[in-house]
Amino acid sequence: MADKPNIIVFMTDHQRGDTIQAGSPVKTPNLDRFRKQAVNFTQAYCPAPHCCPSRATFFSGLYPTEHGVWNNVNVSNTLSRGLYEGTRLFSQDLKEAGYRLYFSGKWHVSAEEGPEDFGFENIYHPYTYHKSPRRPDTREWHWYDEKNQMDTGEEERTEGRILRPGYPPYVQYGIDESPFDDAEVAQAAADHLAQMADSDSPFFLYVGPLGPHDPYFVPQRFLDLYPIEEIQLPDNFEDAMDDKPALYRRTQDRYGQLTPEEHRECIRRFYAFCSYEDFLFGKVLEQVEKRGLMDNTLILYVSDHGDYMGSHGLWAKGLPCFKEAYRVCAMAGGGVVKSPGREETALLSLADWCPTFLELAGLPSRKTAGRSLVPFLLQEKVENWRTECYSQTNGNEAYGIQRAVWNHKWKYVFNAFDYDELYGLENDPGELHNLLHGIKDRDIPNSAYGPVVKEMCKKLWQFAKEHQDNCVNPYIMTAFAPYGPGILNEK
């Protein structure tokens, strides 16, 4: 590629990948227009269903075991506050290659370093951006008292509220004409594009709104796009999860206070929030077109992870290892893309974008957990693409080691805190039936699914070996997988 293209990333938070697919009930006129100039990757996944590890993977091309970020870096009981020393982000490579780097919006990669430490110029700091070695410390209970975090919770439940004795009530949805300062984040990016001086140097612009993250507070005009009578509950909403880990049911029970009508209202708000983010994306897209930048720019609309959005009776994201929390948006377009308007069904990881940006910039490849997507963008032949995706999570501040591997046919989930899961995705795309339920680990080898579990465990342990995952402790109280990593040594 002769010229280094400009790159613009618009990364939403919590947005499920299916909300931008053809046939989705979500109204996204700007993305629909952009789709004609883009490649839509319909099977893109994050490595963990949480903001920080997924964003760290996006920027580094590495998995949590390699970059060191496991969960929210700003909470008091965090496992990690920042990246492992020496972890390199793609922005550092681009900076050295002559790119001008601009950042507007949510960071959430490290509490110890900010985007400016990795080559970016900050053009807008919303309140969601923190740079602090610890925030807060649980020994400082006054922080909770001052922030009204220790509410008794004793009040009557009203619509959209979840009561929790001793905790403040959780408000699931409402109205806000400028949720999370996202309008300011997008406008700052659009204004910067409008005012940017012409230069021979390419630029990289990152735009990071916080929506459609919970709680689902949206502008009224976007809510009006969705009549409540048209909102349907997901097919797997009624899943009692009796065949799944107890933590899944306990999480579901939190949302059990909501009536089916309130769940439908939540879905309505989520749809509206996605439409609002589409509106903000349109502001950035408009400036690209006004400046005549489209021909030499790659624009990526992507999300960090998904939201259960009522599936299995759940909301937000967490340890329940369902595809709704892992499947992300990934639509890449602009003049860089050849034969736009296509859909690609190859299995993608957020780790793939780092090597993609490096190749687009003409930089030499370096070791990452991902692979460059440039061949897909240029519609070239792709050799030996991955056939499985993998996850790495130790929990969303309610800790529990969990690893998963899936392909188009099977999904196996190793839960160190409970029994494992196996889903036959061809016949059970909603992940309703755990095929391992009621089978003791010692009986799995002689069960009908023993060969499948063994093969998926081999893949999981091989991935762990390649990416320095140390969840292999053979001690009797920690080694709970039905097949341990020693199966890699079988002849």
Protein backbone atom coordinates (compact mmCIF):
# COMPACT_ATOMS: atom_id res chain seq x y z
CA MET A 1 0.00 0.00 0.00
CA ALA A 2 1.73 3.14 -1.26
CA ASP A 3 0.29 5.75 1.07
CA LYS A 4 -0.23 5.36 4.78
CA PRO A 5 -3.98 5.75 5.32
CA ASN A 6 -5.62 7.80 8.02
CA ILE A 7 -7.39 5.64 10.61
CA ILE A 8 -10.49 6.55 12.63
CA VAL A 9 -11.81 4.25 15.37
CA PHE A 10 -15.27 4.75 16.89
CA MET A 11 -15.47 2.32 19.84
CA THR A 12 -18.75 1.99 21.71
CA ASP A 13 -19.08 0.32 25.12
CA HIS A 14 -21.31 -2.71 25.78
CA GLN A 15 -22.72 -2.86 22.24
CA ARG A 16 -23.73 -6.32 21.05
CA GLY A 17 -22.51 -7.32 17.63
CA ASP A 18 -25.95 -8.30 16.39
CA THR A 19 -27.29 -4.76 16.83
CA ILE A 20 -25.55 -3.66 13.62
CA GLN A 21 -26.28 -6.73 11.51
CA ALA A 22 -28.67 -6.82 8.58
CA GLY A 23 -32.18 -7.51 9.81
CA SER A 24 -31.59 -6.06 13.27
CA PRO A 25 -34.56 -4.13 14.71
CA VAL A 26 -32.13 -1.39 15.79
CA LYS A 27 -32.40 1.72 13.62
CA THR A 28 -28.91 2.80 12.52
CA PRO A 29 -29.22 4.97 9.40
CA ASN A 30 -25.61 6.15 9.48
CA LEU A 31 -24.22 2.64 9.84
CA ASP A 32 -26.58 1.45 7.11
CA ARG A 33 -25.13 4.09 4.82
CA PHE A 34 -21.59 3.28 5.93
CA ARG A 35 -22.20 -0.45 5.38
CA LYS A 36 -22.16 0.16 1.61
CA GLN A 37 -18.59 1.41 1.94
CA ALA A 38 -17.44 -1.23 4.43
CA VAL A 39 -16.75 -4.83 5.29
CA ASN A 40 -19.02 -6.06 8.06
CA PHE A 41 -17.38 -8.76 10.19
CA THR A 42 -20.35 -10.65 11.59
CA GLN A 43 -18.44 -13.06 13.87
CA ALA A 44 -16.13 -10.78 15.86
CA TYR A 45 -15.45 -11.48 19.53
CA CYS A 46 -13.70 -9.96 22.54
CA PRO A 47 -11.34 -11.95 24.81
CA ALA A 48 -13.19 -11.01 28.02
CA PRO A 49 -16.63 -9.51 28.65
CA HIS A 50 -15.26 -6.47 30.48
CA CYS A 51 -14.07 -3.05 29.32
CA CYS A 52 -10.47 -2.97 30.50
CA PRO A 53 -9.10 -6.36 29.40
CA SER A 54 -10.85 -6.08 26.05
CA ARG A 55 -9.61 -2.54 25.42
CA ALA A 56 -6.10 -3.54 26.44
CA THR A 57 -6.31 -6.39 23.92
CA PHE A 58 -7.54 -4.02 21.21
CA PHE A 59 -4.65 -1.61 21.73
CA SER A 60 -1.90 -4.22 22.30
CA GLY A 61 -2.97 -7.19 20.17
CA LEU A 62 -2.37 -9.39 23.24
CA TYR A 63 -4.58 -11.41 25.58
CA PRO A 64 -4.96 -10.68 29.33
CA THR A 65 -2.29 -13.22 30.28
CA GLU A 66 0.12 -11.27 28.07
CA HIS A 67 -0.83 -7.63 28.72
CA GLY A 68 -1.76 -8.06 32.40
CA VAL A 69 -5.14 -6.29 32.57
CA TRP A 70 -7.89 -8.54 33.95
CA ASN A 71 -10.75 -6.34 35.10
CA ASN A 72 -11.78 -2.76 35.93
CA VAL A 73 -8.48 -1.06 36.74
CA ASN A 74 -10.14 1.64 38.84
CA VAL A 75 -12.06 -0.43 41.40
CA SER A 76 -10.75 -1.05 44.88
CA ASN A 77 -10.35 -4.83 44.61
CA THR A 78 -8.80 -4.85 41.17
CA LEU A 79 -6.39 -7.61 40.21
CA SER A 80 -4.39 -5.22 38.05
CA ARG A 81 -4.19 -1.44 37.74
CA GLY A 82 -2.34 -1.33 34.48
CA LEU A 83 -0.44 -3.05 31.74
CA TYR A 84 2.57 -5.25 32.31
CA GLU A 85 5.78 -3.27 32.10
CA GLY A 86 7.01 -3.13 28.53
CA THR A 87 3.62 -3.82 26.92
CA ARG A 88 3.61 -2.00 23.61
CA LEU A 89 0.47 -0.49 22.06
CA PHE A 90 -0.03 0.05 18.34
CA SER A 91 -0.17 3.80 18.95
CA GLN A 92 3.52 3.82 19.85
CA ASP A 93 4.40 2.19 16.55
CA LEU A 94 2.18 4.59 14.61
CA LYS A 95 3.70 7.58 16.40
CA GLU A 96 7.20 6.48 15.44
CA ALA A 97 5.99 6.01 11.86
CA GLY A 98 4.91 9.66 11.66
CA TYR A 99 1.21 9.43 12.56
CA ARG A 100 -0.52 12.24 14.42
CA LEU A 101 -2.57 10.63 17.20
CA TYR A 102 -5.73 12.11 18.75
CA PHE A 103 -7.90 10.73 21.55
CA SER A 104 -11.43 11.70 22.59
CA GLY A 105 -13.41 9.76 25.17
CA LYS A 106 -13.09 6.66 27.28
CA TRP A 107 -9.67 5.11 27.90
CA HIS A 108 -10.04 2.43 30.62
CA VAL A 109 -6.88 0.54 29.72
CA SER A 110 -4.77 1.53 32.72
CA ALA A 111 -5.20 3.52 35.92
CA GLU A 112 -1.47 4.22 36.02
CA GLU A 113 -0.94 5.51 32.47
CA GLY A 114 -3.17 7.46 30.13
CA PRO A 115 -3.42 7.69 26.34
CA GLU A 116 -0.92 10.57 26.37
CA ASP A 117 1.68 8.11 27.70
CA PHE A 118 1.29 6.09 24.52
CA GLY A 119 1.59 8.86 21.96
CA PHE A 120 -1.90 10.35 21.88
CA GLU A 121 -2.90 13.99 22.16
CA ASN A 122 -6.05 14.21 24.27
CA ILE A 123 -8.69 16.38 22.63
CA TYR A 124 -11.49 15.67 25.13
CA HIS A 125 -11.51 14.26 28.67
CA PRO A 126 -14.95 13.13 29.80
CA TYR A 127 -15.56 12.33 33.44
CA THR A 128 -15.13 8.64 32.62
CA TYR A 129 -11.36 9.12 32.24
CA HIS A 130 -9.28 8.60 35.36
CA LYS A 131 -5.56 8.36 35.86
CA SER A 132 -4.98 7.25 39.41
CA PRO A 133 -2.88 4.58 41.14
CA ARG A 134 -5.87 3.53 43.23
CA ARG A 135 -9.52 4.57 43.16
CA PRO A 136 -10.81 4.05 45.77
CA ASP A 137 -9.21 1.96 48.50
CA THR A 138 -11.67 -0.21 50.45
CA ARG A 139 -9.89 0.75 53.65
CA GLU A 140 -11.21 4.27 53.09
CA TRP A 141 -14.86 3.68 53.91
CA HIS A 142 -15.46 7.40 54.07
CA TRP A 143 -15.27 7.40 50.25
CA TYR A 144 -18.35 5.21 50.13
CA ASP A 145 -20.14 7.30 52.73
CA GLU A 146 -19.37 10.56 50.95
CA LYS A 147 -20.48 9.13 47.59
CA ASN A 148 -23.67 7.69 49.14
CA GLN A 149 -22.52 4.18 48.25
CA MET A 150 -23.67 2.74 51.59
CA ASP A 151 -27.37 3.48 51.23
CA THR A 152 -29.64 1.28 53.36
CA GLY A 153 -31.71 0.55 50.27
CA GLU A 154 -34.93 0.52 52.28
CA GLU A 155 -37.59 1.93 49.98
CA GLU A 156 -40.44 0.77 47.81
CA ARG A 157 -39.46 -0.53 44.40
CA THR A 158 -40.62 1.54 41.44
CA GLU A 159 -40.40 0.90 37.70
CA GLY A 160 -36.95 0.04 36.42
CA ARG A 161 -35.38 -0.10 39.89
CA ILE A 162 -33.74 -3.07 41.57
CA LEU A 163 -33.73 -3.00 45.37
CA ARG A 164 -30.76 -4.43 47.29
CA PRO A 165 -30.90 -4.19 51.11
CA GLY A 166 -27.83 -2.37 52.39
CA TYR A 167 -26.90 -1.21 48.88
CA PRO A 168 -28.22 1.76 46.95
CA PRO A 169 -31.12 0.94 44.61
CA TYR A 170 -30.00 0.23 41.05
CA VAL A 171 -31.82 2.26 38.42
CA GLN A 172 -31.93 0.23 35.20
CA TYR A 173 -33.15 2.92 32.77
CA GLY A 174 -34.35 6.49 32.37
CA ILE A 175 -34.12 9.63 30.23
CA ASP A 176 -30.98 11.70 29.71
CA GLU A 177 -30.51 14.09 26.80
CA SER A 178 -26.71 13.73 26.92
CA PRO A 179 -25.84 10.39 28.55
CA PHE A 180 -22.26 9.93 29.75
CA ASP A 181 -21.12 13.11 27.91
CA ASP A 182 -21.05 11.06 24.71
CA ALA A 183 -22.30 14.00 22.65
CA GLU A 184 -19.31 16.04 23.77
CA VAL A 185 -16.92 13.17 23.01
CA ALA A 186 -18.20 12.82 19.43
CA GLN A 187 -18.48 16.56 18.86
CA ALA A 188 -14.89 17.12 20.00
CA ALA A 189 -13.76 14.54 17.46
CA ALA A 190 -15.90 16.04 14.69
CA ASP A 191 -14.67 19.56 15.49
CA HIS A 192 -11.09 18.39 15.48
CA LEU A 193 -11.57 16.86 12.06
CA ALA A 194 -13.14 20.07 10.80
CA GLN A 195 -10.30 22.24 12.11
CA MET A 196 -7.41 19.90 11.40
CA ALA A 197 -4.80 21.52 9.19
CA ASP A 198 -3.80 19.75 5.99
CA SER A 199 -0.65 17.73 6.42
CA ASP A 200 1.45 15.20 4.59
CA SER A 201 1.43 13.11 7.79
CA PRO A 202 -1.43 10.64 8.30
CA PHE A 203 -3.51 10.74 11.48
CA PHE A 204 -5.16 8.26 13.83
CA LEU A 205 -8.28 9.47 15.64
CA TYR A 206 -9.85 7.44 18.46
CA VAL A 207 -13.44 8.27 19.51
CA GLY A 208 -14.63 6.48 22.64
CA PRO A 209 -18.21 7.11 23.80
CA LEU A 210 -19.48 5.25 26.87
CA GLY A 211 -22.88 4.16 25.54
CA PRO A 212 -24.80 1.94 25.27
CA HIS A 213 -23.42 0.95 28.69
CA ASP A 214 -25.89 0.41 31.53
CA PRO A 215 -27.81 2.08 33.10
CA TYR A 216 -29.75 2.75 29.92
CA PHE A 217 -30.48 6.47 30.06
CA VAL A 218 -31.27 7.83 26.60
CA PRO A 219 -32.56 10.98 24.88
CA GLN A 220 -36.34 10.94 24.48
CA ARG A 221 -36.29 11.47 20.71
CA PHE A 222 -34.41 8.19 20.22
CA LEU A 223 -36.71 6.32 22.59
CA ASP A 224 -39.63 7.55 20.49
CA LEU A 225 -38.27 5.54 17.56
CA TYR A 226 -39.31 2.31 19.27
CA PRO A 227 -42.98 1.68 20.19
CA ILE A 228 -43.03 -0.63 23.20
CA GLU A 229 -45.60 -2.92 21.57
CA GLU A 230 -43.00 -3.82 18.90
CA ILE A 231 -40.39 -4.96 21.40
CA GLN A 232 -39.98 -8.72 21.80
CA LEU A 233 -38.18 -10.63 24.53
CA PRO A 234 -35.31 -12.85 23.29
CA ASP A 235 -36.04 -16.50 22.57
CA ASN A 236 -33.81 -17.61 25.45
CA PHE A 237 -35.23 -15.12 27.96
CA GLU A 238 -37.06 -17.84 29.93
CA ASP A 239 -33.92 -19.94 30.47
CA ALA A 240 -34.08 -21.05 34.13
CA MET A 241 -30.38 -22.03 33.87
CA ASP A 242 -30.91 -25.07 36.11
CA ASP A 243 -28.22 -26.86 34.10
CA LYS A 244 -25.68 -24.05 34.42
CA PRO A 245 -23.37 -22.75 37.18
CA ALA A 246 -25.08 -21.46 40.30
CA LEU A 247 -23.43 -18.06 39.90
CA TYR A 248 -25.34 -17.66 36.64
CA ARG A 249 -28.64 -18.18 38.46
CA ARG A 250 -27.62 -15.85 41.27
CA THR A 251 -26.80 -13.17 38.71
CA GLN A 252 -30.12 -13.75 36.97
CA ASP A 253 -31.91 -13.47 40.31
CA ARG A 254 -30.72 -9.86 40.64
CA TYR A 255 -32.83 -9.02 37.61
CA GLY A 256 -35.73 -11.19 38.75
CA GLN A 257 -37.37 -8.17 40.38
CA LEU A 258 -38.06 -6.74 36.93
CA THR A 259 -41.31 -7.74 35.28
CA PRO A 260 -41.35 -8.99 31.66
CA GLU A 261 -42.75 -5.60 30.70
CA GLU A 262 -39.79 -3.88 32.38
CA HIS A 263 -37.38 -6.18 30.55
CA ARG A 264 -39.03 -5.17 27.29
CA GLU A 265 -38.64 -1.53 28.30
CA CYS A 266 -34.94 -2.19 28.97
CA ILE A 267 -34.57 -3.64 25.48
CA ARG A 268 -36.33 -0.60 24.07
CA ARG A 269 -33.87 1.68 25.86
CA PHE A 270 -30.91 -0.36 24.67
CA TYR A 271 -32.11 -0.10 21.08
CA ALA A 272 -32.55 3.65 21.53
CA PHE A 273 -29.05 3.95 22.99
CA CYS A 274 -27.58 2.15 19.97
CA SER A 275 -29.47 4.53 17.68
CA TYR A 276 -28.06 7.45 19.65
CA GLU A 277 -24.51 6.15 19.20
CA ASP A 278 -25.23 5.76 15.48
CA PHE A 279 -26.30 9.42 15.43
CA LEU A 280 -23.01 10.43 17.06
CA PHE A 281 -21.04 8.25 14.65
CA GLY A 282 -22.81 10.14 11.87
CA LYS A 283 -21.32 13.41 13.12
CA VAL A 284 -17.81 12.03 12.70
CA LEU A 285 -18.65 10.44 9.36
CA GLU A 286 -20.06 13.73 8.08
CA GLN A 287 -16.81 15.56 8.77
CA VAL A 288 -14.77 12.85 7.04
CA GLU A 289 -16.93 13.30 3.96
CA LYS A 290 -16.86 17.12 4.12
CA ARG A 291 -13.07 17.12 4.29
CA GLY A 292 -12.80 14.66 1.42
CA LEU A 293 -10.86 12.21 3.59
CA MET A 294 -12.78 9.06 2.79
CA ASP A 295 -10.61 7.85 -0.08
CA ASN A 296 -7.49 7.47 2.06
CA THR A 297 -9.04 6.63 5.43
CA LEU A 298 -9.98 3.43 7.20
CA ILE A 299 -12.94 3.94 9.53
CA LEU A 300 -13.69 1.26 12.10
CA TYR A 301 -16.94 1.05 14.07
CA VAL A 302 -16.24 -1.43 16.87
CA SER A 303 -17.30 -2.24 20.45
CA ASP A 304 -15.29 -3.50 23.39
CA HIS A 305 -17.76 -6.24 24.45
CA GLY A 306 -21.46 -6.99 24.34
CA ASP A 307 -24.47 -6.86 26.67
CA TYR A 308 -26.75 -9.78 27.54
CA MET A 309 -29.70 -7.50 26.74
CA GLY A 310 -32.27 -9.78 28.37
CA SER A 311 -30.87 -13.06 27.02
CA HIS A 312 -31.11 -15.75 29.72
CA GLY A 313 -32.86 -13.08 31.82
CA LEU A 314 -29.55 -11.19 32.23
CA TRP A 315 -28.30 -7.67 31.60
CA ALA A 316 -24.90 -5.94 31.36
CA LYS A 317 -21.99 -8.44 31.35
CA GLY A 318 -20.17 -10.79 33.70
CA LEU A 319 -19.10 -14.38 34.21
CA PRO A 320 -22.07 -16.03 32.45
CA CYS A 321 -20.18 -17.10 29.33
CA PHE A 322 -22.81 -16.44 26.67
CA LYS A 323 -22.16 -15.13 23.18
CA GLU A 324 -24.23 -12.00 23.78
CA ALA A 325 -21.48 -10.65 26.08
CA TYR A 326 -18.63 -11.68 23.77
CA ARG A 327 -19.80 -10.87 20.25
CA VAL A 328 -18.80 -7.34 19.26
CA CYS A 329 -19.40 -4.87 16.46
CA ALA A 330 -16.73 -4.73 13.76
CA MET A 331 -17.49 -2.78 10.61
CA ALA A 332 -14.50 -1.36 8.71
CA GLY A 333 -14.87 0.91 5.72
CA GLY A 334 -13.49 3.77 3.69
CA GLY A 335 -11.37 4.04 0.59
CA VAL A 336 -8.92 1.46 1.89
CA VAL A 337 -11.55 -1.30 1.55
CA LYS A 338 -11.88 -3.10 -1.77
CA SER A 339 -15.28 -4.38 -2.98
CA PRO A 340 -17.19 -2.79 -0.06
CA GLY A 341 -20.66 -3.82 0.98
CA ARG A 342 -19.48 -7.31 1.91
CA GLU A 343 -20.07 -9.48 4.95
CA GLU A 344 -17.30 -11.69 6.32
CA THR A 345 -18.09 -14.61 8.62
CA ALA A 346 -14.51 -15.47 9.64
CA LEU A 347 -13.94 -15.67 13.40
CA LEU A 348 -12.33 -12.42 14.57
CA SER A 349 -10.69 -11.33 17.81
CA LEU A 350 -10.21 -7.78 19.06
CA ALA A 351 -6.52 -8.72 19.05
CA ASP A 352 -6.59 -8.66 15.23
CA TRP A 353 -6.86 -4.88 14.92
CA CYS A 354 -3.38 -4.10 16.27
CA PRO A 355 -1.53 -6.05 13.54
CA THR A 356 -4.04 -4.72 11.00
CA PHE A 357 -3.19 -1.10 11.80
CA LEU A 358 0.54 -1.87 11.73
CA GLU A 359 0.30 -3.45 8.28
CA LEU A 360 -1.82 -0.59 6.93
CA ALA A 361 0.89 1.81 8.13
CA GLY A 362 3.54 -0.19 6.30
CA LEU A 363 5.21 -1.24 9.53
CA PRO A 364 6.91 -4.59 10.10
CA SER A 365 4.83 -7.16 11.93
CA ARG A 366 5.62 -8.02 15.53
CA LYS A 367 4.41 -10.81 17.76
CA THR A 368 0.79 -10.42 18.80
CA ALA A 369 -2.06 -12.79 19.60
CA GLY A 370 -3.96 -11.52 16.57
CA ARG A 371 -3.58 -11.63 12.81
CA SER A 372 -3.82 -8.80 10.33
CA LEU A 373 -7.21 -8.35 8.66
CA VAL A 374 -5.76 -6.50 5.68
CA PRO A 375 -6.37 -9.47 3.34
CA PHE A 376 -10.05 -9.36 4.26
CA LEU A 377 -10.16 -5.59 3.69
CA LEU A 378 -8.54 -5.98 0.28
CA GLN A 379 -10.58 -9.12 -0.54
CA GLU A 380 -7.47 -11.20 -0.99
CA LYS A 381 -7.16 -14.92 -0.38
CA VAL A 382 -6.70 -15.73 3.31
CA GLU A 383 -4.73 -18.84 4.21
CA ASN A 384 -5.25 -20.98 7.33
CA TRP A 385 -7.50 -18.59 9.23
CA ARG A 386 -8.45 -19.55 12.78
CA THR A 387 -11.26 -22.04 13.32
CA GLU A 388 -11.76 -21.30 17.04
CA CYS A 389 -12.07 -18.30 19.35
CA TYR A 390 -10.89 -18.19 22.96
CA SER A 391 -11.70 -16.25 26.10
CA GLN A 392 -9.70 -15.43 29.22
CA THR A 393 -11.40 -14.01 32.28
CA ASN A 394 -10.92 -14.23 36.02
CA GLY A 395 -14.22 -12.51 36.73
CA ASN A 396 -15.80 -9.10 36.84
CA GLU A 397 -14.71 -8.11 40.37
CA ALA A 398 -16.68 -11.14 41.64
CA TYR A 399 -13.79 -13.37 40.84
CA GLY A 400 -13.80 -16.82 39.30
CA ILE A 401 -11.39 -18.32 36.80
CA GLN A 402 -13.11 -19.12 33.51
CA ARG A 403 -11.78 -20.04 30.09
CA ALA A 404 -13.74 -20.89 26.96
CA VAL A 405 -13.12 -22.11 23.43
CA TRP A 406 -15.69 -22.18 20.63
CA ASN A 407 -16.08 -22.69 16.92
CA HIS A 408 -19.12 -22.80 14.66
CA LYS A 409 -20.14 -26.23 16.05
CA TRP A 410 -19.17 -26.47 19.73
CA LYS A 411 -18.57 -24.24 22.73
CA TYR A 412 -16.76 -25.54 25.81
CA VAL A 413 -16.51 -23.47 29.02
CA PHE A 414 -14.08 -24.40 31.80
CA ASN A 415 -15.32 -23.00 35.12
CA ALA A 416 -12.85 -23.34 37.99
CA PHE A 417 -15.60 -22.15 40.37
CA ASP A 418 -18.32 -24.62 39.26
CA TYR A 419 -19.04 -27.39 36.78
CA ASP A 420 -18.26 -26.88 33.11
CA GLU A 421 -20.49 -26.22 30.11
CA LEU A 422 -20.75 -27.64 26.61
CA TYR A 423 -23.13 -26.34 23.97
CA GLY A 424 -23.85 -27.74 20.52
CA LEU A 425 -24.16 -24.46 18.67
CA GLU A 426 -25.56 -25.87 15.44
CA ASN A 427 -28.71 -27.15 17.14
CA ASP A 428 -28.66 -24.81 20.16
CA PRO A 429 -27.57 -21.32 19.06
CA GLY A 430 -29.25 -19.78 22.12
CA GLU A 431 -27.01 -21.81 24.46
CA LEU A 432 -29.98 -23.16 26.37
CA HIS A 433 -28.85 -26.75 26.96
CA ASN A 434 -25.64 -27.54 28.82
CA LEU A 435 -24.78 -30.99 27.49
CA LEU A 436 -22.51 -31.72 30.48
CA HIS A 437 -25.18 -31.10 33.10
CA GLY A 438 -25.42 -33.97 35.57
CA ILE A 439 -22.27 -35.71 34.30
CA LYS A 440 -19.50 -35.99 36.88
CA ASP A 441 -16.04 -35.04 35.64
CA ARG A 442 -14.80 -38.59 36.14
CA ASP A 443 -17.60 -39.88 33.92
CA ILE A 444 -17.05 -37.47 31.04
CA PRO A 445 -14.44 -39.66 29.24
CA ASN A 446 -17.00 -42.46 28.93
CA SER A 447 -19.91 -40.22 28.01
CA ALA A 448 -21.21 -39.44 24.53
CA TYR A 449 -19.47 -36.05 24.72
CA GLY A 450 -16.14 -37.29 26.04
CA PRO A 451 -14.31 -37.05 22.68
CA VAL A 452 -15.67 -33.53 22.07
CA VAL A 453 -14.65 -32.29 25.53
CA LYS A 454 -11.20 -33.84 25.18
CA GLU A 455 -10.62 -32.18 21.82
CA MET A 456 -11.83 -28.80 23.07
CA CYS A 457 -9.67 -29.13 26.21
CA LYS A 458 -6.67 -29.82 24.00
CA LYS A 459 -7.36 -26.64 22.06
CA LEU A 460 -7.88 -24.66 25.27
CA TRP A 461 -4.63 -25.88 26.85
CA GLN A 462 -2.67 -25.36 23.63
CA PHE A 463 -3.90 -21.76 23.54
CA ALA A 464 -2.99 -21.38 27.23
CA LYS A 465 0.53 -22.65 26.51
CA GLU A 466 1.02 -20.29 23.57
CA HIS A 467 -0.20 -17.25 25.52
CA GLN A 468 1.46 -17.81 28.92
CA ASP A 469 -1.76 -18.62 30.75
CA ASN A 470 -0.79 -19.96 34.17
CA CYS A 471 -4.19 -21.43 35.13
CA VAL A 472 -2.59 -24.90 35.08
CA ASN A 473 -1.85 -25.44 38.79
CA PRO A 474 -2.06 -29.24 39.26
CA TYR A 475 -2.85 -29.01 43.00
CA ILE A 476 -5.89 -31.14 43.94
CA MET A 477 -7.93 -28.11 45.10
CA THR A 478 -7.40 -26.10 41.92
CA ALA A 479 -7.11 -28.60 39.04
CA PHE A 480 -10.76 -29.04 38.08
CA ALA A 481 -10.77 -29.42 34.30
CA PRO A 482 -11.94 -32.87 33.16
CA TYR A 483 -8.79 -33.11 31.03
CA GLY A 484 -5.65 -31.36 32.26
CA PRO A 485 -2.87 -29.80 30.15
CA GLY A 486 -0.96 -33.09 30.20
CA ILE A 487 -3.18 -34.32 27.34
CA LEU A 488 -1.00 -32.17 25.07
CA ASN A 489 1.77 -34.74 25.61
CA GLU A 490 -0.28 -37.69 24.41
CA LYS A 491 1.13 -39.45 21.37
